[in-house]
Amino acid sequence: MYEQKLMLLYNECLQELKSIGIDMQNTEIVGNIDIKISTRASKRYGCCKQENPDRNYKVVKRVGRKRVINYERFLTHHIEVSSWVMQLNDEIIKNTIMHELIHCIPYCNNHGLEFKKYATYINQKLGYEVRTKGNREADCKASNIEYKEDINYKYKIVCENCGQIIYRKRFNQNLIKRYRCGRCKGRLKLVECKY
């Protein structure tokens, strides 16, 4: 049922991208893309799994004493859209598909500068709202679906500076020692534990 809807919206996205000069069906540049529905993912909107790195796009960086190898282009892309997303409005589904299609473009396999350039361009030209992160509560309200908050957490972590709350099912001390708030770079502290 949802597979036909997904393929229809996917093909619409491909045609819209082609109309603004981004040809996602050109396998010489982008590679091969397949798309399917993921029944396992319960939190994320979608993902783009990549295989067969192009050796010509190999980047070696030094991080301390280690060498880290990254690839900026892949020849095979597997896009998965979560099944719960398929219950939302078509615009939200197409936003998710567009987001994942951008990851298929060379140099865009993360949410870095190139990804943001393409997202901004697509948003301006086609009227999308492609972002790096989705807002599940707002999307459920826009689709007239009841939003159920996941309250199966054990740990509540709060930013000491801006008060942002982060919930975790698992906890690692490195989260508080090494990481900072994504909004304001403030220190994190563990506030609540449920056992």
N, C-alpha and C. Protein backbone atom coordinates (compact mmCIF):
# COMPACT_ATOMS: atom_id res chain seq x y z
N MET A 1 0.82 -1.19 0.00
CA MET A 1 0.00 0.00 0.00
C MET A 1 0.87 1.26 0.00
N TYR A 2 1.77 1.35 0.97
CA TYR A 2 2.63 2.53 1.06
C TYR A 2 3.74 2.53 0.02
N GLU A 3 4.09 1.35 -0.50
CA GLU A 3 5.17 1.26 -1.47
C GLU A 3 4.85 2.04 -2.74
N GLN A 4 3.60 1.91 -3.22
CA GLN A 4 3.20 2.63 -4.43
C GLN A 4 3.23 4.14 -4.20
N LYS A 5 2.74 4.55 -3.04
CA LYS A 5 2.74 5.98 -2.69
C LYS A 5 4.17 6.50 -2.61
N LEU A 6 5.06 5.72 -2.01
CA LEU A 6 6.46 6.12 -1.89
C LEU A 6 7.09 6.28 -3.28
N MET A 7 6.87 5.33 -4.17
CA MET A 7 7.46 5.40 -5.50
C MET A 7 6.90 6.58 -6.30
N LEU A 8 5.62 6.85 -6.14
CA LEU A 8 5.00 7.98 -6.84
C LEU A 8 5.63 9.30 -6.38
N LEU A 9 5.75 9.49 -5.06
CA LEU A 9 6.34 10.71 -4.52
C LEU A 9 7.83 10.81 -4.85
N TYR A 10 8.52 9.68 -4.84
CA TYR A 10 9.94 9.64 -5.20
C TYR A 10 10.15 10.12 -6.64
N ASN A 11 9.32 9.61 -7.55
CA ASN A 11 9.43 10.02 -8.95
C ASN A 11 9.09 11.49 -9.15
N GLU A 12 8.12 12.01 -8.37
CA GLU A 12 7.81 13.44 -8.41
C GLU A 12 9.02 14.26 -7.98
N CYS A 13 9.69 13.81 -6.93
CA CYS A 13 10.88 14.52 -6.44
C CYS A 13 11.98 14.52 -7.50
N LEU A 14 12.18 13.38 -8.16
CA LEU A 14 13.20 13.30 -9.21
C LEU A 14 12.91 14.27 -10.34
N GLN A 15 11.63 14.36 -10.75
CA GLN A 15 11.26 15.27 -11.83
C GLN A 15 11.43 16.73 -11.42
N GLU A 16 11.07 17.06 -10.18
CA GLU A 16 11.23 18.43 -9.69
C GLU A 16 12.70 18.82 -9.64
N LEU A 17 13.55 17.91 -9.18
CA LEU A 17 14.99 18.19 -9.15
C LEU A 17 15.54 18.38 -10.55
N LYS A 18 15.07 17.57 -11.47
CA LYS A 18 15.54 17.69 -12.86
C LYS A 18 15.15 19.04 -13.45
N SER A 19 13.98 19.56 -13.03
CA SER A 19 13.51 20.84 -13.57
C SER A 19 14.38 22.02 -13.12
N ILE A 20 15.16 21.85 -12.05
CA ILE A 20 16.05 22.93 -11.59
C ILE A 20 17.52 22.60 -11.85
N GLY A 21 17.76 21.59 -12.68
CA GLY A 21 19.12 21.29 -13.12
C GLY A 21 19.88 20.26 -12.31
N ILE A 22 19.20 19.52 -11.44
CA ILE A 22 19.85 18.47 -10.66
C ILE A 22 19.30 17.13 -11.15
N ASP A 23 20.11 16.41 -11.93
CA ASP A 23 19.67 15.14 -12.50
C ASP A 23 20.13 13.99 -11.63
N MET A 24 19.22 13.48 -10.80
CA MET A 24 19.55 12.39 -9.88
C MET A 24 19.55 11.04 -10.59
N GLN A 25 19.12 10.98 -11.83
CA GLN A 25 19.10 9.72 -12.57
C GLN A 25 20.35 9.53 -13.41
N ASN A 26 21.27 10.50 -13.35
CA ASN A 26 22.54 10.39 -14.04
C ASN A 26 23.49 9.56 -13.19
N THR A 27 23.59 8.27 -13.50
CA THR A 27 24.39 7.35 -12.68
C THR A 27 25.89 7.63 -12.77
N GLU A 28 26.32 8.35 -13.81
CA GLU A 28 27.74 8.70 -13.94
C GLU A 28 28.17 9.64 -12.81
N ILE A 29 27.28 10.53 -12.41
CA ILE A 29 27.60 11.52 -11.38
C ILE A 29 27.14 11.05 -10.00
N VAL A 30 25.90 10.62 -9.91
CA VAL A 30 25.29 10.32 -8.61
C VAL A 30 25.48 8.87 -8.20
N GLY A 31 25.38 7.95 -9.12
CA GLY A 31 25.42 6.53 -8.79
C GLY A 31 24.02 5.94 -8.85
N ASN A 32 23.89 4.71 -8.41
CA ASN A 32 22.59 4.02 -8.41
C ASN A 32 21.87 4.28 -7.09
N ILE A 33 20.56 4.55 -7.20
CA ILE A 33 19.75 4.84 -6.01
C ILE A 33 18.56 3.88 -5.99
N ASP A 34 18.30 3.27 -4.83
CA ASP A 34 17.05 2.54 -4.65
C ASP A 34 16.40 3.06 -3.36
N ILE A 35 15.09 2.92 -3.28
CA ILE A 35 14.34 3.46 -2.15
C ILE A 35 13.35 2.41 -1.66
N LYS A 36 13.17 2.35 -0.33
CA LYS A 36 12.21 1.41 0.24
C LYS A 36 11.72 1.95 1.59
N ILE A 37 10.74 1.27 2.15
CA ILE A 37 10.19 1.65 3.45
C ILE A 37 10.85 0.81 4.52
N SER A 38 11.26 1.47 5.60
CA SER A 38 11.86 0.79 6.74
C SER A 38 10.81 0.60 7.83
N THR A 39 10.60 -0.64 8.24
CA THR A 39 9.63 -0.91 9.30
C THR A 39 10.28 -0.93 10.69
N ARG A 40 11.61 -0.95 10.73
CA ARG A 40 12.30 -1.05 12.02
C ARG A 40 12.53 0.30 12.68
N ALA A 41 12.79 1.35 11.89
CA ALA A 41 13.13 2.66 12.46
C ALA A 41 11.90 3.29 13.09
N SER A 42 12.00 3.63 14.37
CA SER A 42 10.85 4.21 15.05
C SER A 42 11.03 5.69 15.36
N LYS A 43 12.24 6.20 15.30
CA LYS A 43 12.48 7.60 15.63
C LYS A 43 12.87 8.44 14.43
N ARG A 44 13.75 7.93 13.59
CA ARG A 44 14.24 8.75 12.48
C ARG A 44 13.23 8.78 11.34
N TYR A 45 13.34 9.82 10.54
CA TYR A 45 12.48 9.98 9.38
C TYR A 45 12.94 9.07 8.26
N GLY A 46 14.23 9.05 8.01
CA GLY A 46 14.77 8.22 6.95
C GLY A 46 16.28 8.16 7.05
N CYS A 47 16.89 7.42 6.16
CA CYS A 47 18.35 7.36 6.13
C CYS A 47 18.81 7.01 4.72
N CYS A 48 20.07 7.32 4.45
CA CYS A 48 20.68 7.00 3.18
C CYS A 48 21.93 6.19 3.48
N LYS A 49 21.86 4.88 3.19
CA LYS A 49 23.01 4.01 3.40
C LYS A 49 23.79 3.95 2.10
N GLN A 50 25.10 4.09 2.21
CA GLN A 50 25.92 4.17 1.00
C GLN A 50 26.92 3.04 0.94
N GLU A 51 27.15 2.56 -0.28
CA GLU A 51 28.09 1.46 -0.53
C GLU A 51 28.96 1.81 -1.73
N ASN A 52 29.99 1.01 -1.94
CA ASN A 52 30.89 1.13 -3.09
C ASN A 52 31.47 2.54 -3.21
N PRO A 53 32.38 2.90 -2.33
CA PRO A 53 32.98 4.24 -2.43
C PRO A 53 33.80 4.39 -3.70
N ASP A 54 33.76 5.58 -4.27
CA ASP A 54 34.56 5.90 -5.45
C ASP A 54 35.96 6.26 -4.97
N ARG A 55 36.95 5.47 -5.36
CA ARG A 55 38.33 5.65 -4.88
C ARG A 55 38.93 6.99 -5.32
N ASN A 56 38.40 7.60 -6.37
CA ASN A 56 38.90 8.90 -6.83
C ASN A 56 38.50 10.04 -5.89
N TYR A 57 37.53 9.79 -5.02
CA TYR A 57 37.04 10.81 -4.09
C TYR A 57 37.49 10.51 -2.66
N LYS A 58 38.63 9.92 -2.51
CA LYS A 58 39.17 9.54 -1.20
C LYS A 58 39.83 10.77 -0.55
N VAL A 59 39.50 11.01 0.72
CA VAL A 59 40.08 12.13 1.47
C VAL A 59 40.71 11.56 2.73
N VAL A 60 41.97 11.85 2.95
CA VAL A 60 42.68 11.39 4.15
C VAL A 60 42.94 12.60 5.04
N LYS A 61 42.45 12.52 6.28
CA LYS A 61 42.66 13.61 7.25
C LYS A 61 43.43 13.07 8.43
N ARG A 62 44.18 13.93 9.04
CA ARG A 62 44.90 13.55 10.26
C ARG A 62 44.12 14.09 11.46
N VAL A 63 43.82 13.19 12.38
CA VAL A 63 43.17 13.55 13.63
C VAL A 63 44.09 13.09 14.74
N GLY A 64 44.85 14.02 15.27
CA GLY A 64 45.86 13.65 16.24
C GLY A 64 46.93 12.84 15.54
N ARG A 65 47.18 11.64 16.05
CA ARG A 65 48.17 10.75 15.43
C ARG A 65 47.56 9.78 14.43
N LYS A 66 46.23 9.77 14.37
CA LYS A 66 45.55 8.82 13.49
C LYS A 66 45.25 9.43 12.13
N ARG A 67 45.17 8.57 11.15
CA ARG A 67 44.73 8.96 9.81
C ARG A 67 43.30 8.45 9.62
N VAL A 68 42.41 9.35 9.23
CA VAL A 68 41.01 9.00 9.00
C VAL A 68 40.74 9.10 7.50
N ILE A 69 40.19 8.05 6.94
CA ILE A 69 39.87 8.02 5.52
C ILE A 69 38.36 8.19 5.34
N ASN A 70 37.99 9.17 4.52
CA ASN A 70 36.59 9.41 4.17
C ASN A 70 36.46 9.38 2.66
N TYR A 71 35.27 9.05 2.21
CA TYR A 71 34.97 9.09 0.78
C TYR A 71 33.85 10.09 0.56
N GLU A 72 33.99 10.92 -0.46
CA GLU A 72 33.03 11.98 -0.73
C GLU A 72 32.01 11.59 -1.81
N ARG A 73 32.18 10.43 -2.42
CA ARG A 73 31.24 9.97 -3.44
C ARG A 73 31.10 8.46 -3.36
N PHE A 74 29.85 8.01 -3.47
CA PHE A 74 29.57 6.58 -3.45
C PHE A 74 28.82 6.20 -4.73
N LEU A 75 28.94 4.95 -5.13
CA LEU A 75 28.33 4.48 -6.37
C LEU A 75 26.96 3.83 -6.16
N THR A 76 26.65 3.47 -4.91
CA THR A 76 25.36 2.84 -4.60
C THR A 76 24.77 3.50 -3.36
N HIS A 77 23.47 3.85 -3.45
CA HIS A 77 22.77 4.50 -2.34
C HIS A 77 21.47 3.74 -2.07
N HIS A 78 21.22 3.44 -0.81
CA HIS A 78 19.98 2.78 -0.39
C HIS A 78 19.23 3.74 0.53
N ILE A 79 18.15 4.32 0.03
CA ILE A 79 17.35 5.25 0.82
C ILE A 79 16.24 4.47 1.51
N GLU A 80 16.07 4.72 2.80
CA GLU A 80 14.98 4.12 3.57
C GLU A 80 14.15 5.24 4.19
N VAL A 81 12.84 5.15 4.05
CA VAL A 81 11.92 6.08 4.69
C VAL A 81 11.13 5.29 5.72
N SER A 82 11.07 5.80 6.95
CA SER A 82 10.39 5.08 8.02
C SER A 82 8.90 4.94 7.73
N SER A 83 8.33 3.82 8.15
CA SER A 83 6.93 3.55 7.86
C SER A 83 6.00 4.54 8.54
N TRP A 84 6.36 5.05 9.72
CA TRP A 84 5.49 6.02 10.39
C TRP A 84 5.43 7.34 9.62
N VAL A 85 6.47 7.66 8.86
CA VAL A 85 6.48 8.90 8.06
C VAL A 85 5.45 8.81 6.94
N MET A 86 5.18 7.60 6.45
CA MET A 86 4.25 7.42 5.34
C MET A 86 2.81 7.75 5.74
N GLN A 87 2.54 7.93 7.02
CA GLN A 87 1.21 8.31 7.49
C GLN A 87 1.04 9.83 7.50
N LEU A 88 2.11 10.57 7.31
CA LEU A 88 2.08 12.03 7.35
C LEU A 88 1.65 12.60 6.00
N ASN A 89 1.54 13.92 5.93
CA ASN A 89 1.19 14.61 4.68
C ASN A 89 2.21 14.32 3.60
N ASP A 90 1.78 14.41 2.35
CA ASP A 90 2.67 14.17 1.22
C ASP A 90 3.84 15.15 1.19
N GLU A 91 3.60 16.41 1.61
CA GLU A 91 4.69 17.40 1.61
C GLU A 91 5.80 16.99 2.56
N ILE A 92 5.44 16.45 3.70
CA ILE A 92 6.43 16.03 4.70
C ILE A 92 7.19 14.80 4.19
N ILE A 93 6.50 13.89 3.55
CA ILE A 93 7.15 12.71 2.97
C ILE A 93 8.13 13.15 1.88
N LYS A 94 7.71 14.09 1.04
CA LYS A 94 8.59 14.58 -0.03
C LYS A 94 9.79 15.34 0.54
N ASN A 95 9.59 16.06 1.64
CA ASN A 95 10.73 16.71 2.32
C ASN A 95 11.74 15.67 2.76
N THR A 96 11.25 14.57 3.31
CA THR A 96 12.14 13.49 3.77
C THR A 96 12.87 12.87 2.59
N ILE A 97 12.16 12.62 1.50
CA ILE A 97 12.79 12.03 0.31
C ILE A 97 13.85 12.98 -0.25
N MET A 98 13.52 14.28 -0.32
CA MET A 98 14.49 15.27 -0.82
C MET A 98 15.74 15.30 0.05
N HIS A 99 15.54 15.26 1.37
CA HIS A 99 16.67 15.25 2.30
C HIS A 99 17.59 14.09 1.99
N GLU A 100 17.03 12.92 1.83
CA GLU A 100 17.84 11.73 1.58
C GLU A 100 18.47 11.75 0.18
N LEU A 101 17.77 12.33 -0.79
CA LEU A 101 18.34 12.44 -2.14
C LEU A 101 19.56 13.37 -2.15
N ILE A 102 19.54 14.41 -1.33
CA ILE A 102 20.70 15.31 -1.25
C ILE A 102 21.92 14.53 -0.77
N HIS A 103 21.73 13.58 0.14
CA HIS A 103 22.86 12.77 0.63
C HIS A 103 23.50 11.94 -0.49
N CYS A 104 22.78 11.71 -1.56
CA CYS A 104 23.32 10.92 -2.68
C CYS A 104 24.26 11.73 -3.57
N ILE A 105 24.21 13.05 -3.46
CA ILE A 105 25.04 13.92 -4.28
C ILE A 105 26.47 13.89 -3.73
N PRO A 106 27.49 13.85 -4.61
CA PRO A 106 28.88 13.86 -4.11
C PRO A 106 29.14 15.05 -3.17
N TYR A 107 29.92 14.80 -2.13
CA TYR A 107 30.30 15.76 -1.08
C TYR A 107 29.15 16.09 -0.12
N CYS A 108 28.04 15.40 -0.20
CA CYS A 108 26.88 15.70 0.65
C CYS A 108 26.49 14.54 1.55
N ASN A 109 27.40 13.60 1.82
CA ASN A 109 27.02 12.43 2.61
C ASN A 109 26.97 12.71 4.11
N ASN A 110 27.12 13.97 4.51
CA ASN A 110 26.88 14.37 5.90
C ASN A 110 26.07 15.67 5.86
N HIS A 111 25.85 16.29 7.00
CA HIS A 111 25.07 17.53 7.04
C HIS A 111 25.98 18.76 7.02
N GLY A 112 27.06 18.68 6.27
CA GLY A 112 28.03 19.76 6.22
C GLY A 112 27.62 20.89 5.28
N LEU A 113 28.59 21.68 4.89
CA LEU A 113 28.37 22.88 4.10
C LEU A 113 27.73 22.59 2.74
N GLU A 114 28.21 21.56 2.04
CA GLU A 114 27.65 21.23 0.72
C GLU A 114 26.19 20.80 0.83
N PHE A 115 25.88 19.99 1.85
CA PHE A 115 24.49 19.56 2.06
C PHE A 115 23.60 20.78 2.26
N LYS A 116 24.06 21.72 3.09
CA LYS A 116 23.25 22.90 3.40
C LYS A 116 23.08 23.79 2.17
N LYS A 117 24.09 23.86 1.30
CA LYS A 117 23.97 24.64 0.06
C LYS A 117 22.87 24.06 -0.82
N TYR A 118 22.88 22.74 -1.01
CA TYR A 118 21.86 22.11 -1.84
C TYR A 118 20.47 22.24 -1.21
N ALA A 119 20.39 22.07 0.09
CA ALA A 119 19.10 22.19 0.78
C ALA A 119 18.53 23.60 0.61
N THR A 120 19.37 24.61 0.78
CA THR A 120 18.92 26.00 0.61
C THR A 120 18.47 26.25 -0.82
N TYR A 121 19.22 25.75 -1.78
CA TYR A 121 18.88 25.93 -3.19
C TYR A 121 17.53 25.28 -3.52
N ILE A 122 17.34 24.06 -3.05
CA ILE A 122 16.08 23.34 -3.30
C ILE A 122 14.92 24.03 -2.59
N ASN A 123 15.14 24.48 -1.37
CA ASN A 123 14.09 25.19 -0.63
C ASN A 123 13.66 26.46 -1.37
N GLN A 124 14.63 27.21 -1.88
CA GLN A 124 14.31 28.46 -2.58
C GLN A 124 13.63 28.21 -3.92
N LYS A 125 14.14 27.26 -4.70
CA LYS A 125 13.62 27.03 -6.05
C LYS A 125 12.30 26.26 -6.08
N LEU A 126 12.15 25.30 -5.16
CA LEU A 126 10.98 24.41 -5.21
C LEU A 126 10.01 24.60 -4.05
N GLY A 127 10.36 25.42 -3.08
CA GLY A 127 9.44 25.69 -1.96
C GLY A 127 9.40 24.60 -0.90
N TYR A 128 10.45 23.82 -0.79
CA TYR A 128 10.51 22.78 0.24
C TYR A 128 11.01 23.37 1.57
N GLU A 129 10.97 22.56 2.59
CA GLU A 129 11.51 22.93 3.90
C GLU A 129 12.49 21.84 4.35
N VAL A 130 13.48 21.56 3.52
CA VAL A 130 14.48 20.54 3.84
C VAL A 130 15.37 21.08 4.94
N ARG A 131 15.46 20.32 6.04
CA ARG A 131 16.29 20.70 7.18
C ARG A 131 17.16 19.49 7.55
N THR A 132 18.13 19.74 8.44
CA THR A 132 18.97 18.63 8.87
C THR A 132 18.25 17.76 9.89
N LYS A 133 17.27 18.31 10.58
CA LYS A 133 16.55 17.58 11.61
C LYS A 133 15.06 17.83 11.48
N GLY A 134 14.26 16.83 11.74
CA GLY A 134 12.81 16.99 11.67
C GLY A 134 12.21 17.28 13.03
N ASN A 135 10.98 17.77 13.04
CA ASN A 135 10.23 18.03 14.26
C ASN A 135 8.99 17.15 14.23
N ARG A 136 9.07 16.03 14.90
CA ARG A 136 8.01 15.02 14.82
C ARG A 136 6.68 15.55 15.36
N GLU A 137 6.72 16.29 16.45
CA GLU A 137 5.49 16.81 17.04
C GLU A 137 4.78 17.76 16.07
N ALA A 138 5.52 18.69 15.48
CA ALA A 138 4.93 19.65 14.55
C ALA A 138 4.41 18.95 13.29
N ASP A 139 5.14 17.95 12.81
CA ASP A 139 4.71 17.23 11.61
C ASP A 139 3.46 16.41 11.86
N CYS A 140 3.33 15.83 13.04
CA CYS A 140 2.12 15.08 13.38
C CYS A 140 0.91 16.02 13.46
N LYS A 141 1.11 17.19 14.07
CA LYS A 141 0.02 18.17 14.16
C LYS A 141 -0.38 18.65 12.77
N ALA A 142 0.59 18.90 11.89
CA ALA A 142 0.29 19.35 10.53
C ALA A 142 -0.46 18.28 9.74
N SER A 143 -0.29 17.03 10.10
CA SER A 143 -0.94 15.91 9.40
C SER A 143 -2.20 15.43 10.12
N ASN A 144 -2.59 16.13 11.18
CA ASN A 144 -3.77 15.76 11.99
C ASN A 144 -3.68 14.35 12.54
N ILE A 145 -2.49 14.02 13.02
CA ILE A 145 -2.26 12.71 13.66
C ILE A 145 -1.87 12.96 15.10
N GLU A 146 -2.37 12.11 15.99
CA GLU A 146 -2.05 12.27 17.40
C GLU A 146 -0.56 12.00 17.64
N TYR A 147 0.07 12.93 18.33
CA TYR A 147 1.49 12.80 18.65
C TYR A 147 1.64 12.10 19.99
N LYS A 148 2.39 11.01 20.01
CA LYS A 148 2.65 10.28 21.25
C LYS A 148 4.13 10.42 21.58
N GLU A 149 4.41 11.04 22.70
CA GLU A 149 5.80 11.23 23.11
C GLU A 149 6.34 9.93 23.70
N ASP A 150 7.55 9.60 23.31
CA ASP A 150 8.21 8.40 23.82
C ASP A 150 8.73 8.70 25.22
N ILE A 151 8.14 8.05 26.22
CA ILE A 151 8.56 8.33 27.59
C ILE A 151 9.29 7.13 28.22
N ASN A 152 9.78 6.23 27.41
CA ASN A 152 10.54 5.09 27.91
C ASN A 152 12.01 5.44 28.06
N TYR A 153 12.30 6.50 28.79
CA TYR A 153 13.68 6.88 28.99
C TYR A 153 14.08 6.58 30.43
N LYS A 154 15.36 6.43 30.65
CA LYS A 154 15.88 6.20 32.00
C LYS A 154 16.64 7.42 32.51
N TYR A 155 17.19 8.23 31.60
CA TYR A 155 18.05 9.33 32.01
C TYR A 155 17.58 10.65 31.41
N LYS A 156 17.62 11.68 32.23
CA LYS A 156 17.27 13.03 31.79
C LYS A 156 18.51 13.90 31.99
N ILE A 157 18.97 14.53 30.92
CA ILE A 157 20.18 15.35 30.96
C ILE A 157 19.77 16.77 30.58
N VAL A 158 20.28 17.75 31.32
CA VAL A 158 19.91 19.14 31.11
C VAL A 158 21.15 19.98 30.87
N CYS A 159 21.04 20.94 29.95
CA CYS A 159 22.12 21.91 29.72
C CYS A 159 22.07 22.92 30.86
N GLU A 160 23.21 23.16 31.50
CA GLU A 160 23.28 24.11 32.60
C GLU A 160 23.10 25.54 32.13
N ASN A 161 23.36 25.80 30.85
CA ASN A 161 23.31 27.17 30.34
C ASN A 161 21.92 27.54 29.81
N CYS A 162 21.42 26.79 28.81
CA CYS A 162 20.15 27.17 28.17
C CYS A 162 18.95 26.34 28.64
N GLY A 163 19.19 25.24 29.35
CA GLY A 163 18.10 24.42 29.88
C GLY A 163 17.53 23.40 28.92
N GLN A 164 18.18 23.17 27.78
CA GLN A 164 17.70 22.15 26.85
C GLN A 164 17.70 20.80 27.53
N ILE A 165 16.63 20.02 27.33
CA ILE A 165 16.49 18.71 27.95
C ILE A 165 16.77 17.63 26.92
N ILE A 166 17.58 16.65 27.31
CA ILE A 166 17.92 15.52 26.47
C ILE A 166 17.54 14.25 27.22
N TYR A 167 16.80 13.36 26.58
CA TYR A 167 16.42 12.09 27.19
C TYR A 167 17.25 10.98 26.58
N ARG A 168 17.65 10.02 27.40
CA ARG A 168 18.43 8.88 26.93
C ARG A 168 17.95 7.60 27.58
N LYS A 169 17.92 6.53 26.80
CA LYS A 169 17.61 5.21 27.34
C LYS A 169 18.85 4.59 27.96
N ARG A 170 20.02 4.89 27.35
CA ARG A 170 21.29 4.41 27.88
C ARG A 170 22.14 5.62 28.25
N PHE A 171 23.07 5.44 29.15
CA PHE A 171 23.89 6.56 29.61
C PHE A 171 25.35 6.18 29.62
N ASN A 172 26.16 7.09 29.18
CA ASN A 172 27.60 6.91 29.19
C ASN A 172 28.20 8.17 29.81
N GLN A 173 29.14 8.00 30.73
CA GLN A 173 29.75 9.15 31.41
C GLN A 173 30.39 10.12 30.43
N ASN A 174 30.86 9.62 29.28
CA ASN A 174 31.48 10.50 28.29
C ASN A 174 30.53 11.57 27.78
N LEU A 175 29.21 11.30 27.84
CA LEU A 175 28.23 12.26 27.38
C LEU A 175 28.34 13.56 28.17
N ILE A 176 28.54 13.45 29.45
CA ILE A 176 28.64 14.64 30.29
C ILE A 176 30.06 15.19 30.31
N LYS A 177 31.05 14.32 30.30
CA LYS A 177 32.44 14.77 30.39
C LYS A 177 32.93 15.42 29.11
N ARG A 178 32.65 14.82 27.95
CA ARG A 178 33.26 15.26 26.70
C ARG A 178 32.37 16.12 25.82
N TYR A 179 31.05 15.98 25.94
CA TYR A 179 30.15 16.65 25.00
C TYR A 179 29.54 17.90 25.61
N ARG A 180 29.09 18.79 24.73
CA ARG A 180 28.45 20.04 25.12
C ARG A 180 27.08 20.14 24.45
N CYS A 181 26.30 21.08 24.89
CA CYS A 181 24.97 21.32 24.34
C CYS A 181 25.08 21.69 22.87
N GLY A 182 24.20 21.15 22.05
CA GLY A 182 24.20 21.45 20.63
C GLY A 182 23.74 22.86 20.31
N ARG A 183 22.96 23.46 21.20
CA ARG A 183 22.46 24.81 20.96
C ARG A 183 23.45 25.89 21.36
N CYS A 184 23.96 25.78 22.61
CA CYS A 184 24.74 26.90 23.16
C CYS A 184 26.14 26.50 23.60
N LYS A 185 26.51 25.24 23.45
CA LYS A 185 27.82 24.73 23.86
C LYS A 185 28.02 24.75 25.38
N GLY A 186 26.92 24.79 26.12
CA GLY A 186 27.00 24.76 27.59
C GLY A 186 27.27 23.37 28.12
N ARG A 187 27.61 23.29 29.41
CA ARG A 187 27.88 22.00 30.06
C ARG A 187 26.58 21.24 30.30
N LEU A 188 26.69 19.90 30.26
CA LEU A 188 25.55 19.03 30.49
C LEU A 188 25.64 18.41 31.87
N LYS A 189 24.47 18.18 32.48
CA LYS A 189 24.47 17.50 33.78
C LYS A 189 23.30 16.51 33.83
N LEU A 190 23.53 15.42 34.55
CA LEU A 190 22.50 14.39 34.73
C LEU A 190 21.56 14.84 35.83
N VAL A 191 20.25 14.90 35.52
CA VAL A 191 19.30 15.40 36.50
C VAL A 191 18.46 14.29 37.09
N GLU A 192 18.06 13.33 36.28
CA GLU A 192 17.08 12.34 36.73
C GLU A 192 17.46 10.95 36.24
N CYS A 193 17.30 9.97 37.11
CA CYS A 193 17.52 8.57 36.74
C CYS A 193 16.28 7.78 37.13
N LYS A 194 15.77 6.98 36.21
CA LYS A 194 14.68 6.06 36.52
C LYS A 194 15.23 4.66 36.45
N TYR A 195 14.91 3.85 37.41
CA TYR A 195 15.39 2.47 37.40
C TYR A 195 14.24 1.50 37.36
